[in-house]
């Protein structure tokens, strides 16, 4: 599955290098496709009984990962700035 994602991504990347893409921003194609992707993801999760039954655990782990990542980034940034920051 990941190979299909990479193939589609790089196909779009290389195609975008050779064609005019001003119309994408004009007609908000990215916004519409993102909303369609989120809708289909929600539809897939909602129809999967096994996944829907574990949604509380998934939400908890997702929240903990987000908090730990944010806290770790803050601590690393703080110590990095103290160690290598401008000393005036």
PDB file of N, CA and C in Angstrom:
ATOM      1  N   UNK A   1       0.820  -1.196   0.000  1.00  0.00           N
ATOM      2  CA  UNK A   1       0.000   0.000   0.000  1.00  0.00           C
ATOM      3  C   UNK A   1       0.861   1.257   0.000  1.00  0.00           C
ATOM      4  N   UNK A   2       1.949   1.247   0.786  1.00  0.00           N
ATOM      5  CA  UNK A   2       2.787   2.434   0.859  1.00  0.00           C
ATOM      6  C   UNK A   2       3.437   2.725  -0.486  1.00  0.00           C
ATOM      7  N   UNK A   3       3.696   1.671  -1.272  1.00  0.00           N
ATOM      8  CA  UNK A   3       4.287   1.895  -2.590  1.00  0.00           C
ATOM      9  C   UNK A   3       3.350   2.656  -3.503  1.00  0.00           C
ATOM     10  N   UNK A   4       2.046   2.372  -3.406  1.00  0.00           N
ATOM     11  CA  UNK A   4       1.073   3.109  -4.215  1.00  0.00           C
ATOM     12  C   UNK A   4       1.047   4.572  -3.800  1.00  0.00           C
ATOM     13  N   UNK A   5       1.120   4.824  -2.516  1.00  0.00           N
ATOM     14  CA  UNK A   5       1.134   6.208  -2.032  1.00  0.00           C
ATOM     15  C   UNK A   5       2.356   6.939  -2.576  1.00  0.00           C
ATOM     16  N   UNK A   6       3.510   6.293  -2.513  1.00  0.00           N
ATOM     17  CA  UNK A   6       4.732   6.925  -3.023  1.00  0.00           C
ATOM     18  C   UNK A   6       4.683   7.123  -4.534  1.00  0.00           C
ATOM     19  N   UNK A   7       4.159   6.149  -5.261  1.00  0.00           N
ATOM     20  CA  UNK A   7       4.052   6.283  -6.717  1.00  0.00           C
ATOM     21  C   UNK A   7       3.135   7.441  -7.080  1.00  0.00           C
ATOM     22  N   UNK A   8       1.991   7.538  -6.438  1.00  0.00           N
ATOM     23  CA  UNK A   8       1.054   8.622  -6.723  1.00  0.00           C
ATOM     24  C   UNK A   8       1.652   9.974  -6.340  1.00  0.00           C
ATOM     25  N   UNK A   9       2.318  10.041  -5.198  1.00  0.00           N
ATOM     26  CA  UNK A   9       2.930  11.291  -4.761  1.00  0.00           C
ATOM     27  C   UNK A   9       3.984  11.767  -5.754  1.00  0.00           C
ATOM     28  N   UNK A  10       4.904  10.879  -6.108  1.00  0.00           N
ATOM     29  CA  UNK A  10       5.976  11.284  -7.021  1.00  0.00           C
ATOM     30  C   UNK A  10       5.467  11.525  -8.439  1.00  0.00           C
ATOM     31  N   UNK A  11       4.412  10.829  -8.848  1.00  0.00           N
ATOM     32  CA  UNK A  11       3.800  11.118 -10.143  1.00  0.00           C
ATOM     33  C   UNK A  11       3.262  12.538 -10.164  1.00  0.00           C
ATOM     34  N   UNK A  12       2.569  12.911  -9.108  1.00  0.00           N
ATOM     35  CA  UNK A  12       2.072  14.277  -9.002  1.00  0.00           C
ATOM     36  C   UNK A  12       3.191  15.294  -8.913  1.00  0.00           C
ATOM     37  N   UNK A  13       4.231  14.951  -8.203  1.00  0.00           N
ATOM     38  CA  UNK A  13       5.386  15.845  -8.063  1.00  0.00           C
ATOM     39  C   UNK A  13       6.021  16.127  -9.419  1.00  0.00           C
ATOM     40  N   UNK A  14       6.320  15.067 -10.178  1.00  0.00           N
ATOM     41  CA  UNK A  14       6.970  15.253 -11.471  1.00  0.00           C
ATOM     42  C   UNK A  14       6.032  15.865 -12.506  1.00  0.00           C
ATOM     43  N   UNK A  15       4.758  15.536 -12.446  1.00  0.00           N
ATOM     44  CA  UNK A  15       3.787  16.148 -13.345  1.00  0.00           C
ATOM     45  C   UNK A  15       3.651  17.634 -13.057  1.00  0.00           C
ATOM     46  N   UNK A  16       3.696  18.003 -11.795  1.00  0.00           N
ATOM     47  CA  UNK A  16       3.612  19.407 -11.405  1.00  0.00           C
ATOM     48  C   UNK A  16       4.802  20.228 -11.864  1.00  0.00           C
ATOM     49  N   UNK A  17       5.926  19.590 -12.109  1.00  0.00           N
ATOM     50  CA  UNK A  17       7.109  20.298 -12.597  1.00  0.00           C
ATOM     51  C   UNK A  17       6.961  20.708 -14.063  1.00  0.00           C
ATOM     52  N   UNK A  18       6.096  20.001 -14.817  1.00  0.00           N
ATOM     53  CA  UNK A  18       6.031  20.224 -16.256  1.00  0.00           C
ATOM     54  C   UNK A  18       4.738  20.866 -16.748  1.00  0.00           C
ATOM     55  N   UNK A  19       3.723  20.973 -15.921  1.00  0.00           N
ATOM     56  CA  UNK A  19       2.466  21.577 -16.379  1.00  0.00           C
ATOM     57  C   UNK A  19       2.168  22.822 -15.568  1.00  0.00           C
ATOM     58  N   UNK A  20       1.313  23.664 -16.101  1.00  0.00           N
ATOM     59  CA  UNK A  20       0.877  24.869 -15.406  1.00  0.00           C
ATOM     60  C   UNK A  20      -0.131  24.484 -14.320  1.00  0.00           C
ATOM     61  N   UNK A  21       0.065  24.995 -13.095  1.00  0.00           N
ATOM     62  CA  UNK A  21      -0.807  24.598 -11.986  1.00  0.00           C
ATOM     63  C   UNK A  21      -1.501  25.789 -11.324  1.00  0.00           C
ATOM     64  N   UNK A  22      -1.592  26.920 -12.028  1.00  0.00           N
ATOM     65  CA  UNK A  22      -2.267  28.080 -11.434  1.00  0.00           C
ATOM     66  C   UNK A  22      -3.744  27.807 -11.164  1.00  0.00           C
ATOM     67  N   UNK A  23      -4.368  26.963 -11.985  1.00  0.00           N
ATOM     68  CA  UNK A  23      -5.784  26.675 -11.839  1.00  0.00           C
ATOM     69  C   UNK A  23      -6.095  25.937 -10.539  1.00  0.00           C
ATOM     70  N   UNK A  24      -5.111  25.251  -9.987  1.00  0.00           N
ATOM     71  CA  UNK A  24      -5.337  24.513  -8.736  1.00  0.00           C
ATOM     72  C   UNK A  24      -5.655  25.492  -7.610  1.00  0.00           C
ATOM     73  N   UNK A  25      -4.898  26.560  -7.497  1.00  0.00           N
ATOM     74  CA  UNK A  25      -5.165  27.562  -6.468  1.00  0.00           C
ATOM     75  C   UNK A  25      -6.416  28.369  -6.755  1.00  0.00           C
ATOM     76  N   UNK A  26      -6.707  28.595  -8.034  1.00  0.00           N
ATOM     77  CA  UNK A  26      -7.867  29.399  -8.417  1.00  0.00           C
ATOM     78  C   UNK A  26      -9.177  28.708  -8.068  1.00  0.00           C
ATOM     79  N   UNK A  27      -9.258  27.417  -8.315  1.00  0.00           N
ATOM     80  CA  UNK A  27     -10.508  26.692  -8.091  1.00  0.00           C
ATOM     81  C   UNK A  27     -10.534  25.909  -6.789  1.00  0.00           C
ATOM     82  N   UNK A  28      -9.523  26.055  -5.964  1.00  0.00           N
ATOM     83  CA  UNK A  28      -9.444  25.409  -4.655  1.00  0.00           C
ATOM     84  C   UNK A  28      -9.569  23.883  -4.763  1.00  0.00           C
ATOM     85  N   UNK A  29      -8.876  23.319  -5.708  1.00  0.00           N
ATOM     86  CA  UNK A  29      -8.910  21.874  -5.939  1.00  0.00           C
ATOM     87  C   UNK A  29      -8.344  21.126  -4.737  1.00  0.00           C
ATOM     88  N   UNK A  30      -7.265  21.636  -4.163  1.00  0.00           N
ATOM     89  CA  UNK A  30      -6.629  20.967  -3.029  1.00  0.00           C
ATOM     90  C   UNK A  30      -7.590  20.893  -1.852  1.00  0.00           C
ATOM     91  N   UNK A  31      -8.306  21.969  -1.583  1.00  0.00           N
ATOM     92  CA  UNK A  31      -9.262  21.979  -0.474  1.00  0.00           C
ATOM     93  C   UNK A  31     -10.364  20.953  -0.691  1.00  0.00           C
ATOM     94  N   UNK A  32     -10.905  20.898  -1.885  1.00  0.00           N
ATOM     95  CA  UNK A  32     -11.985  19.953  -2.186  1.00  0.00           C
ATOM     96  C   UNK A  32     -11.479  18.507  -2.081  1.00  0.00           C
ATOM     97  N   UNK A  33     -10.302  18.242  -2.627  1.00  0.00           N
ATOM     98  CA  UNK A  33      -9.759  16.885  -2.552  1.00  0.00           C
ATOM     99  C   UNK A  33      -9.411  16.483  -1.126  1.00  0.00           C
ATOM    100  N   UNK A  34      -8.935  17.435  -0.323  1.00  0.00           N
ATOM    101  CA  UNK A  34      -8.640  17.133   1.077  1.00  0.00           C
ATOM    102  C   UNK A  34      -9.923  16.807   1.835  1.00  0.00           C
ATOM    103  N   UNK A  35     -10.972  17.557   1.597  1.00  0.00           N
ATOM    104  CA  UNK A  35     -12.255  17.276   2.252  1.00  0.00           C
ATOM    105  C   UNK A  35     -12.805  15.921   1.808  1.00  0.00           C
ATOM    106  N   UNK A  36     -12.642  15.596   0.543  1.00  0.00           N
ATOM    107  CA  UNK A  36     -13.085  14.289   0.047  1.00  0.00           C
ATOM    108  C   UNK A  36     -12.273  13.166   0.689  1.00  0.00           C
ATOM    109  N   UNK A  37     -10.979  13.378   0.842  1.00  0.00           N
ATOM    110  CA  UNK A  37     -10.127  12.386   1.490  1.00  0.00           C
ATOM    111  C   UNK A  37     -10.530  12.197   2.955  1.00  0.00           C
ATOM    112  N   UNK A  38     -10.769  13.291   3.681  1.00  0.00           N
ATOM    113  CA  UNK A  38     -11.189  13.184   5.079  1.00  0.00           C
ATOM    114  C   UNK A  38     -12.542  12.503   5.202  1.00  0.00           C
ATOM    115  N   UNK A  39     -13.460  12.813   4.293  1.00  0.00           N
ATOM    116  CA  UNK A  39     -14.767  12.161   4.314  1.00  0.00           C
ATOM    117  C   UNK A  39     -14.643  10.657   4.091  1.00  0.00           C
ATOM    118  N   UNK A  40     -13.827  10.270   3.105  1.00  0.00           N
ATOM    119  CA  UNK A  40     -13.680   8.835   2.832  1.00  0.00           C
ATOM    120  C   UNK A  40     -12.968   8.125   3.984  1.00  0.00           C
ATOM    121  N   UNK A  41     -12.032   8.800   4.634  1.00  0.00           N
ATOM    122  CA  UNK A  41     -11.375   8.216   5.798  1.00  0.00           C
ATOM    123  C   UNK A  41     -12.372   8.005   6.938  1.00  0.00           C
ATOM    124  N   UNK A  42     -13.202   9.002   7.191  1.00  0.00           N
ATOM    125  CA  UNK A  42     -14.235   8.866   8.219  1.00  0.00           C
ATOM    126  C   UNK A  42     -15.235   7.775   7.885  1.00  0.00           C
ATOM    127  N   UNK A  43     -15.578   7.660   6.622  1.00  0.00           N
ATOM    128  CA  UNK A  43     -16.497   6.611   6.185  1.00  0.00           C
ATOM    129  C   UNK A  43     -15.894   5.225   6.404  1.00  0.00           C
ATOM    130  N   UNK A  44     -14.614   5.095   6.109  1.00  0.00           N
ATOM    131  CA  UNK A  44     -13.925   3.815   6.301  1.00  0.00           C
ATOM    132  C   UNK A  44     -13.837   3.458   7.787  1.00  0.00           C
ATOM    133  N   UNK A  45     -13.508   4.421   8.626  1.00  0.00           N
ATOM    134  CA  UNK A  45     -13.409   4.165  10.069  1.00  0.00           C
ATOM    135  C   UNK A  45     -14.774   3.845  10.655  1.00  0.00           C
ATOM    136  N   UNK A  46     -15.780   4.586  10.224  1.00  0.00           N
ATOM    137  CA  UNK A  46     -17.130   4.366  10.743  1.00  0.00           C
ATOM    138  C   UNK A  46     -17.713   3.021  10.364  1.00  0.00           C
ATOM    139  N   UNK A  47     -17.314   2.487   9.227  1.00  0.00           N
ATOM    140  CA  UNK A  47     -17.864   1.199   8.791  1.00  0.00           C
ATOM    141  C   UNK A  47     -17.062   0.011   9.316  1.00  0.00           C
ATOM    142  N   UNK A  48     -15.911   0.250   9.909  1.00  0.00           N
ATOM    143  CA  UNK A  48     -15.079  -0.820  10.443  1.00  0.00           C
ATOM    144  C   UNK A  48     -15.401  -0.998  11.928  1.00  0.00           C
ATOM    145  N   UNK A  49     -16.129  -2.049  12.252  1.00  0.00           N
ATOM    146  CA  UNK A  49     -16.584  -2.272  13.624  1.00  0.00           C
ATOM    147  C   UNK A  49     -15.428  -2.500  14.595  1.00  0.00           C
ATOM    148  N   UNK A  50     -14.418  -3.244  14.162  1.00  0.00           N
ATOM    149  CA  UNK A  50     -13.287  -3.529  15.037  1.00  0.00           C
ATOM    150  C   UNK A  50     -12.525  -2.244  15.379  1.00  0.00           C
ATOM    151  N   UNK A  51     -12.294  -1.427  14.379  1.00  0.00           N
ATOM    152  CA  UNK A  51     -11.586  -0.166  14.594  1.00  0.00           C
ATOM    153  C   UNK A  51     -12.438   0.811  15.400  1.00  0.00           C
ATOM    154  N   UNK A  52     -13.718   0.859  15.108  1.00  0.00           N
ATOM    155  CA  UNK A  52     -14.616   1.770  15.821  1.00  0.00           C
ATOM    156  C   UNK A  52     -14.728   1.379  17.298  1.00  0.00           C
ATOM    157  N   UNK A  53     -14.612   0.104  17.605  1.00  0.00           N
ATOM    158  CA  UNK A  53     -14.654  -0.344  18.991  1.00  0.00           C
ATOM    159  C   UNK A  53     -13.425   0.058  19.785  1.00  0.00           C
ATOM    160  N   UNK A  54     -12.319   0.275  19.090  1.00  0.00           N
ATOM    161  CA  UNK A  54     -11.073   0.652  19.758  1.00  0.00           C
ATOM    162  C   UNK A  54     -10.778   2.153  19.660  1.00  0.00           C
ATOM    163  N   UNK A  55     -11.751   2.946  19.255  1.00  0.00           N
ATOM    164  CA  UNK A  55     -11.505   4.365  18.994  1.00  0.00           C
ATOM    165  C   UNK A  55     -11.084   5.124  20.251  1.00  0.00           C
ATOM    166  N   UNK A  56     -11.591   4.731  21.426  1.00  0.00           N
ATOM    167  CA  UNK A  56     -11.206   5.426  22.654  1.00  0.00           C
ATOM    168  C   UNK A  56      -9.725   5.210  22.965  1.00  0.00           C
ATOM    169  N   UNK A  57      -9.226   4.001  22.754  1.00  0.00           N
ATOM    170  CA  UNK A  57      -7.807   3.716  22.982  1.00  0.00           C
ATOM    171  C   UNK A  57      -6.942   4.434  21.942  1.00  0.00           C
ATOM    172  N   UNK A  58      -7.408   4.459  20.696  1.00  0.00           N
ATOM    173  CA  UNK A  58      -6.669   5.144  19.638  1.00  0.00           C
ATOM    174  C   UNK A  58      -6.586   6.640  19.928  1.00  0.00           C
ATOM    175  N   UNK A  59      -7.688   7.224  20.366  1.00  0.00           N
ATOM    176  CA  UNK A  59      -7.690   8.649  20.690  1.00  0.00           C
ATOM    177  C   UNK A  59      -6.752   8.962  21.851  1.00  0.00           C
ATOM    178  N   UNK A  60      -6.744   8.113  22.862  1.00  0.00           N
ATOM    179  CA  UNK A  60      -5.865   8.321  24.005  1.00  0.00           C
ATOM    180  C   UNK A  60      -4.400   8.238  23.587  1.00  0.00           C
ATOM    181  N   UNK A  61      -4.055   7.203  22.819  1.00  0.00           N
ATOM    182  CA  UNK A  61      -2.663   7.072  22.363  1.00  0.00           C
ATOM    183  C   UNK A  61      -2.270   8.226  21.443  1.00  0.00           C
ATOM    184  N   UNK A  62      -3.164   8.631  20.574  1.00  0.00           N
ATOM    185  CA  UNK A  62      -2.890   9.764  19.697  1.00  0.00           C
ATOM    186  C   UNK A  62      -2.649  11.045  20.481  1.00  0.00           C
ATOM    187  N   UNK A  63      -3.475  11.268  21.500  1.00  0.00           N
ATOM    188  CA  UNK A  63      -3.308  12.448  22.341  1.00  0.00           C
ATOM    189  C   UNK A  63      -1.980  12.401  23.093  1.00  0.00           C
ATOM    190  N   UNK A  64      -1.640  11.243  23.648  1.00  0.00           N
ATOM    191  CA  UNK A  64      -0.374  11.107  24.376  1.00  0.00           C
ATOM    192  C   UNK A  64       0.834  11.300  23.460  1.00  0.00           C
ATOM    193  N   UNK A  65       0.761  10.771  22.254  1.00  0.00           N
ATOM    194  CA  UNK A  65       1.856  10.949  21.302  1.00  0.00           C
ATOM    195  C   UNK A  65       2.005  12.413  20.920  1.00  0.00           C
ATOM    196  N   UNK A  66       0.893  13.103  20.700  1.00  0.00           N
ATOM    197  CA  UNK A  66       0.948  14.525  20.354  1.00  0.00           C
ATOM    198  C   UNK A  66       1.526  15.346  21.498  1.00  0.00           C
ATOM    199  N   UNK A  67       1.100  15.074  22.723  1.00  0.00           N
ATOM    200  CA  UNK A  67       1.618  15.811  23.882  1.00  0.00           C
ATOM    201  C   UNK A  67       3.103  15.517  24.078  1.00  0.00           C
ATOM    202  N   UNK A  68       3.493  14.250  23.990  1.00  0.00           N
ATOM    203  CA  UNK A  68       4.901  13.892  24.176  1.00  0.00           C
ATOM    204  C   UNK A  68       5.767  14.510  23.083  1.00  0.00           C
ATOM    205  N   UNK A  69       5.303  14.514  21.850  1.00  0.00           N
ATOM    206  CA  UNK A  69       6.062  15.122  20.760  1.00  0.00           C
ATOM    207  C   UNK A  69       6.210  16.621  20.935  1.00  0.00           C
ATOM    208  N   UNK A  70       5.136  17.283  21.331  1.00  0.00           N
ATOM    209  CA  UNK A  70       5.200  18.726  21.551  1.00  0.00           C
ATOM    210  C   UNK A  70       6.108  19.065  22.722  1.00  0.00           C
ATOM    211  N   UNK A  71       5.972  18.336  23.802  1.00  0.00           N
ATOM    212  CA  UNK A  71       6.809  18.580  24.978  1.00  0.00           C
ATOM    213  C   UNK A  71       8.277  18.295  24.674  1.00  0.00           C
ATOM    214  N   UNK A  72       8.544  17.210  23.980  1.00  0.00           N
ATOM    215  CA  UNK A  72       9.925  16.889  23.607  1.00  0.00           C
ATOM    216  C   UNK A  72      10.522  17.947  22.696  1.00  0.00           C
ATOM    217  N   UNK A  73       9.742  18.453  21.746  1.00  0.00           N
ATOM    218  CA  UNK A  73      10.230  19.513  20.864  1.00  0.00           C
ATOM    219  C   UNK A  73      10.521  20.785  21.641  1.00  0.00           C
ATOM    220  N   UNK A  74       9.650  21.114  22.571  1.00  0.00           N
ATOM    221  CA  UNK A  74       9.864  22.308  23.381  1.00  0.00           C
ATOM    222  C   UNK A  74      11.129  22.178  24.226  1.00  0.00           C
ATOM    223  N   UNK A  75      11.294  21.048  24.884  1.00  0.00           N
ATOM    224  CA  UNK A  75      12.472  20.841  25.739  1.00  0.00           C
ATOM    225  C   UNK A  75      13.749  20.851  24.900  1.00  0.00           C
ATOM    226  N   UNK A  76      13.729  20.161  23.749  1.00  0.00           N
ATOM    227  CA  UNK A  76      14.905  20.158  22.886  1.00  0.00           C
ATOM    228  C   UNK A  76      15.224  21.578  22.410  1.00  0.00           C
ATOM    229  N   UNK A  77      14.216  22.313  21.977  1.00  0.00           N
ATOM    230  CA  UNK A  77      14.419  23.694  21.523  1.00  0.00           C
ATOM    231  C   UNK A  77      14.947  24.585  22.618  1.00  0.00           C
ATOM    232  N   UNK A  78      14.435  24.413  23.820  1.00  0.00           N
ATOM    233  CA  UNK A  78      14.885  25.217  24.955  1.00  0.00           C
ATOM    234  C   UNK A  78      16.368  24.979  25.236  1.00  0.00           C
ATOM    235  N   UNK A  79      16.752  23.713  25.346  1.00  0.00           N
ATOM    236  CA  UNK A  79      18.154  23.401  25.630  1.00  0.00           C
ATOM    237  C   UNK A  79      19.068  23.728  24.448  1.00  0.00           C
ATOM    238  N   UNK A  80      18.581  23.565  23.232  1.00  0.00           N
ATOM    239  CA  UNK A  80      19.369  23.911  22.057  1.00  0.00           C
ATOM    240  C   UNK A  80      19.636  25.414  22.026  1.00  0.00           C
ATOM    241  N   UNK A  81      18.621  26.206  22.327  1.00  0.00           N
ATOM    242  CA  UNK A  81      18.781  27.667  22.357  1.00  0.00           C
ATOM    243  C   UNK A  81      19.728  28.081  23.474  1.00  0.00           C
ATOM    244  N   UNK A  82      19.625  27.459  24.621  1.00  0.00           N
ATOM    245  CA  UNK A  82      20.521  27.783  25.734  1.00  0.00           C
ATOM    246  C   UNK A  82      21.964  27.400  25.418  1.00  0.00           C
ATOM    247  N   UNK A  83      22.149  26.298  24.697  1.00  0.00           N
ATOM    248  CA  UNK A  83      23.491  25.818  24.403  1.00  0.00           C
ATOM    249  C   UNK A  83      24.122  26.560  23.224  1.00  0.00           C
ATOM    250  N   UNK A  84      23.390  26.723  22.130  1.00  0.00           N
ATOM    251  CA  UNK A  84      23.966  27.262  20.904  1.00  0.00           C
ATOM    252  C   UNK A  84      23.416  28.612  20.510  1.00  0.00           C
ATOM    253  N   UNK A  85      22.595  29.228  21.337  1.00  0.00           N
ATOM    254  CA  UNK A  85      21.989  30.518  21.014  1.00  0.00           C
ATOM    255  C   UNK A  85      22.995  31.647  20.957  1.00  0.00           C
ATOM    256  N   UNK A  86      22.537  32.804  20.464  1.00  0.00           N
ATOM    257  CA  UNK A  86      23.397  33.974  20.407  1.00  0.00           C
ATOM    258  C   UNK A  86      23.793  34.415  21.801  1.00  0.00           C
ATOM    259  N   UNK A  87      25.064  34.586  21.981  1.00  0.00           N
ATOM    260  CA  UNK A  87      25.571  35.064  23.282  1.00  0.00           C
ATOM    261  C   UNK A  87      26.043  36.487  23.087  1.00  0.00           C
ATOM    262  N   UNK A  88      25.230  37.461  23.428  1.00  0.00           N
ATOM    263  CA  UNK A  88      25.585  38.876  23.251  1.00  0.00           C
ATOM    264  C   UNK A  88      25.931  39.519  24.561  1.00  0.00           C
TER     265      UNK A  88
END
